[in-house]
C-alpha atoms as a PDB file:
ATOM      1  CA  MET A   1      39.906 -21.073  63.718  1.00  0.00           C
ATOM      2  CA  ARG A   2      37.270 -18.815  62.396  1.00  0.00           C
ATOM      3  CA  LYS A   3      34.461 -20.058  60.132  1.00  0.00           C
ATOM      4  CA  TRP A   4      32.698 -17.952  57.560  1.00  0.00           C
ATOM      5  CA  GLU A   5      29.142 -18.512  56.579  1.00  0.00           C
ATOM      6  CA  GLU A   6      28.740 -19.897  53.141  1.00  0.00           C
ATOM      7  CA  PRO A   7      26.497 -17.741  50.964  1.00  0.00           C
ATOM      8  CA  GLU A   8      23.197 -19.252  49.959  1.00  0.00           C
ATOM      9  CA  ASN A   9      22.997 -20.555  46.431  1.00  0.00           C
ATOM     10  CA  ARG A  10      20.254 -18.483  44.876  1.00  0.00           C
ATOM     11  CA  LYS A  11      18.547 -19.529  41.696  1.00  0.00           C
ATOM     12  CA  ALA A  12      18.500 -17.089  38.802  1.00  0.00           C
ATOM     13  CA  ARG A  13      15.133 -15.440  38.224  1.00  0.00           C
ATOM     14  CA  ILE A  14      13.658 -14.084  35.060  1.00  0.00           C
ATOM     15  CA  GLU A  15      12.093 -10.750  35.767  1.00  0.00           C
ATOM     16  CA  ILE A  16       8.778 -10.707  33.912  1.00  0.00           C
ATOM     17  CA  ILE A  17       7.804  -7.021  34.320  1.00  0.00           C
ATOM     18  CA  PRO A  18      10.665  -5.579  32.204  1.00  0.00           C
ATOM     19  CA  MET A  19       9.987  -8.230  29.568  1.00  0.00           C
ATOM     20  CA  ILE A  20       6.323  -7.175  29.399  1.00  0.00           C
ATOM     21  CA  ASP A  21       7.411  -3.538  29.028  1.00  0.00           C
ATOM     22  CA  VAL A  22       9.669  -4.420  26.120  1.00  0.00           C
ATOM     23  CA  MET A  23       6.961  -6.498  24.420  1.00  0.00           C
ATOM     24  CA  MET A  24       4.412  -3.676  24.781  1.00  0.00           C
ATOM     25  CA  PHE A  25       6.913  -1.211  23.310  1.00  0.00           C
ATOM     26  CA  LEU A  26       7.532  -3.514  20.330  1.00  0.00           C
ATOM     27  CA  LEU A  27       3.803  -4.008  19.795  1.00  0.00           C
ATOM     28  CA  VAL A  28       3.115  -0.271  19.789  1.00  0.00           C
ATOM     29  CA  PHE A  29       6.119   0.361  17.537  1.00  0.00           C
ATOM     30  CA  PHE A  30       5.002  -2.159  14.897  1.00  0.00           C
ATOM     31  CA  VAL A  31       1.381  -1.012  14.973  1.00  0.00           C
ATOM     32  CA  LEU A  32       2.397   2.607  14.430  1.00  0.00           C
ATOM     33  CA  LEU A  33       4.858   1.582  11.755  1.00  0.00           C
ATOM     34  CA  SER A  34       2.281  -0.448   9.859  1.00  0.00           C
ATOM     35  CA  LEU A  35      -0.235   2.402   9.949  1.00  0.00           C
ATOM     36  CA  ASN A  36       2.276   4.802   8.416  1.00  0.00           C
ATOM     37  CA  VAL A  37       3.635   2.417   5.768  1.00  0.00           C
ATOM     38  CA  ILE A  38       0.344   1.897   3.940  1.00  0.00           C
ATOM     39  CA  PRO A  39      -0.047   5.502   2.682  1.00  0.00           C
ATOM     40  CA  ALA A  40       3.662   5.600   1.814  1.00  0.00           C
ATOM     41  CA  LEU A  41       3.088   3.143  -1.036  1.00  0.00           C
ATOM     42  CA  GLY A  42       3.220   5.938  -3.614  1.00  0.00           C
ATOM     43  CA  VAL A  43       2.543   9.616  -3.955  1.00  0.00           C
ATOM     44  CA  LYS A  44       0.111  10.982  -1.407  1.00  0.00           C
ATOM     45  CA  THR A  45      -3.191  11.826  -3.069  1.00  0.00           C
ATOM     46  CA  ALA A  46      -6.429  13.246  -1.732  1.00  0.00           C
ATOM     47  CA  LEU A  47      -9.062  10.770  -2.934  1.00  0.00           C
ATOM     48  CA  PRO A  48     -12.577  11.853  -3.818  1.00  0.00           C
ATOM     49  CA  SER A  49     -15.305  10.290  -1.729  1.00  0.00           C
ATOM     50  CA  SER A  50     -18.249   8.119  -2.744  1.00  0.00           C
ATOM     51  CA  SER A  51     -21.141   6.702  -0.768  1.00  0.00           C
ATOM     52  CA  THR A  52     -21.210   3.558  -2.947  1.00  0.00           C
ATOM     53  CA  ALA A  53     -17.514   2.648  -2.685  1.00  0.00           C
ATOM     54  CA  LYS A  54     -16.776  -1.093  -2.555  1.00  0.00           C
ATOM     55  CA  ASP A  55     -13.745  -3.177  -1.690  1.00  0.00           C
ATOM     56  CA  LEU A  56     -12.237  -4.909  -4.702  1.00  0.00           C
ATOM     57  CA  GLN A  57     -11.449  -8.606  -4.162  1.00  0.00           C
ATOM     58  CA  THR A  58      -9.166  -9.636  -7.017  1.00  0.00           C
ATOM     59  CA  GLN A  59      -5.559 -10.740  -7.121  1.00  0.00           C
ATOM     60  CA  ASN A  60      -4.156  -9.404 -10.398  1.00  0.00           C
ATOM     61  CA  LEU A  61      -4.214  -5.655  -9.802  1.00  0.00           C
ATOM     62  CA  ALA A  62      -2.291  -2.749 -11.295  1.00  0.00           C
ATOM     63  CA  ARG A  63      -2.404   0.556  -9.424  1.00  0.00           C
ATOM     64  CA  ILE A  64      -2.161   3.706 -11.530  1.00  0.00           C
ATOM     65  CA  THR A  65      -1.777   6.986  -9.646  1.00  0.00           C
ATOM     66  CA  LEU A  66      -2.552  10.423 -11.077  1.00  0.00           C
ATOM     67  CA  THR A  67      -1.313  13.275  -8.895  1.00  0.00           C
ATOM     68  CA  ALA A  68      -2.742  16.792  -8.733  1.00  0.00           C
ATOM     69  CA  SER A  69       0.184  17.949 -10.892  1.00  0.00           C
ATOM     70  CA  ALA A  70      -0.773  15.373 -13.600  1.00  0.00           C
ATOM     71  CA  GLU A  71       2.190  13.077 -12.890  1.00  0.00           C
ATOM     72  CA  MET A  72       1.513   9.387 -13.472  1.00  0.00           C
ATOM     73  CA  GLN A  73       2.787   6.364 -11.551  1.00  0.00           C
ATOM     74  CA  LEU A  74       2.359   2.638 -11.979  1.00  0.00           C
ATOM     75  CA  GLU A  75       2.758   0.660  -8.749  1.00  0.00           C
ATOM     76  CA  GLY A  76       4.577   3.604  -7.122  1.00  0.00           C
ATOM     77  CA  GLN A  77       7.087   4.129  -9.949  1.00  0.00           C
ATOM     78  CA  ALA A  78       6.972   7.151 -12.248  1.00  0.00           C
ATOM     79  CA  VAL A  79       5.802   6.279 -15.750  1.00  0.00           C
ATOM     80  CA  THR A  80       4.981   8.184 -18.928  1.00  0.00           C
ATOM     81  CA  ALA A  81       1.754   7.751 -20.871  1.00  0.00           C
ATOM     82  CA  GLU A  82       3.698   6.079 -23.690  1.00  0.00           C
ATOM     83  CA  SER A  83       5.366   3.455 -21.507  1.00  0.00           C
ATOM     84  CA  LEU A  84       2.284   2.793 -19.373  1.00  0.00           C
ATOM     85  CA  VAL A  85       0.580   0.493 -21.874  1.00  0.00           C
ATOM     86  CA  SER A  86       3.694  -1.592 -22.539  1.00  0.00           C
ATOM     87  CA  ARG A  87       4.288  -2.081 -18.806  1.00  0.00           C
ATOM     88  CA  LEU A  88       0.637  -3.058 -18.298  1.00  0.00           C
ATOM     89  CA  LYS A  89       0.860  -5.567 -21.167  1.00  0.00           C
ATOM     90  CA  SER A  90       3.930  -7.144 -19.542  1.00  0.00           C
ATOM     91  CA  MET A  91       2.091  -7.340 -16.207  1.00  0.00           C
ATOM     92  CA  GLU A  92      -0.837  -8.984 -17.972  1.00  0.00           C
ATOM     93  CA  ALA A  93       1.469 -11.487 -19.692  1.00  0.00           C
ATOM     94  CA  LYS A  94       2.893 -12.647 -16.346  1.00  0.00           C
ATOM     95  CA  GLU A  95      -0.499 -14.075 -15.334  1.00  0.00           C
ATOM     96  CA  PRO A  96      -2.479 -14.677 -18.539  1.00  0.00           C
ATOM     97  CA  LYS A  97      -5.226 -16.707 -16.832  1.00  0.00           C
ATOM     98  CA  LYS A  98      -6.216 -13.819 -14.549  1.00  0.00           C
ATOM     99  CA  LYS A  99      -7.855 -10.662 -15.795  1.00  0.00           C
ATOM    100  CA  LEU A 100      -5.793  -7.568 -15.070  1.00  0.00           C
ATOM    101  CA  VAL A 101      -7.863  -5.041 -13.112  1.00  0.00           C
ATOM    102  CA  LEU A 102      -6.636  -1.453 -13.243  1.00  0.00           C
ATOM    103  CA  LEU A 103      -7.133   0.689 -10.151  1.00  0.00           C
ATOM    104  CA  VAL A 104      -6.917   4.393 -10.941  1.00  0.00           C
ATOM    105  CA  ASN A 105      -5.960   6.391  -7.867  1.00  0.00           C
ATOM    106  CA  ALA A 106      -6.596   9.953  -9.086  1.00  0.00           C
ATOM    107  CA  ASP A 107      -6.244  12.982  -6.851  1.00  0.00           C
ATOM    108  CA  LYS A 108      -9.519  14.902  -6.563  1.00  0.00           C
ATOM    109  CA  LYS A 109      -7.719  18.050  -7.737  1.00  0.00           C
ATOM    110  CA  VAL A 110      -6.522  16.489 -11.011  1.00  0.00           C
ATOM    111  CA  GLU A 111      -8.148  17.881 -14.147  1.00  0.00           C
ATOM    112  CA  PHE A 112     -10.924  15.624 -15.317  1.00  0.00           C
ATOM    113  CA  GLN A 113      -9.555  15.684 -18.865  1.00  0.00           C
ATOM    114  CA  HIS A 114      -6.398  13.850 -17.677  1.00  0.00           C
ATOM    115  CA  VAL A 115      -8.568  11.068 -16.278  1.00  0.00           C
ATOM    116  CA  ILE A 116     -10.589  10.827 -19.499  1.00  0.00           C
ATOM    117  CA  ASP A 117      -7.384  10.781 -21.593  1.00  0.00           C
ATOM    118  CA  LEU A 118      -6.036   7.951 -19.445  1.00  0.00           C
ATOM    119  CA  MET A 119      -9.282   5.976 -19.812  1.00  0.00           C
ATOM    120  CA  ASP A 120      -9.304   6.508 -23.599  1.00  0.00           C
ATOM    121  CA  THR A 121      -5.718   5.287 -23.856  1.00  0.00           C
ATOM    122  CA  LEU A 122      -6.359   2.210 -21.711  1.00  0.00           C
ATOM    123  CA  LYS A 123      -9.649   1.229 -23.358  1.00  0.00           C
ATOM    124  CA  GLY A 124      -8.157   1.797 -26.805  1.00  0.00           C
ATOM    125  CA  LYS A 125      -5.397  -0.703 -25.975  1.00  0.00           C
ATOM    126  CA  GLY A 126      -7.823  -3.390 -24.769  1.00  0.00           C
ATOM    127  CA  PHE A 127      -8.000  -2.801 -21.018  1.00  0.00           C
ATOM    128  CA  GLU A 128     -11.660  -2.940 -20.029  1.00  0.00           C
ATOM    129  CA  ALA A 129     -11.546  -3.517 -16.268  1.00  0.00           C
ATOM    130  CA  ILE A 130     -10.858  -0.046 -14.890  1.00  0.00           C
ATOM    131  CA  SER A 131     -11.876   0.951 -11.361  1.00  0.00           C
ATOM    132  CA  PHE A 132     -11.440   4.228  -9.533  1.00  0.00           C
ATOM    133  CA  VAL A 133     -10.222   4.374  -5.938  1.00  0.00           C
ATOM    134  CA  THR A 134     -12.319   6.494  -3.592  1.00  0.00           C
ATOM    135  CA  LYS A 135     -12.715   6.840   0.132  1.00  0.00           C
ATOM    136  CA  ARG A 136     -15.965   6.281   1.967  1.00  0.00           C
ATOM    137  CA  LYS A 137     -17.957   9.306   3.113  1.00  0.00           C
END
């Protein structure tokens, strides 16, 4: 009678090198994704630069964007000058204990008169905390 050798019982191994490759790929993917998502918040604008620009550290913010073609957005959604104030008042009413700070993100090619008209409208309706977004030189 002929006997066959029994195969060795081998333990399963987790290969670590392919797992490291996958983790590195995911890390690079999410880093690149996060870098591209931030500017995609609204309409792309070319900000003017300032040597005295500061970071604003408040929690109740409203971002108003003025594009080079004089279109206006509030928090990335198109808005008219007439409906802007009512939407800002509703945002202010959501958190009455915090002062609403308006961040105006105006393209450097926008006519200055549009910016002044926006400021006149906002200040006339009681919004005093208005800041302009710039990039550092």
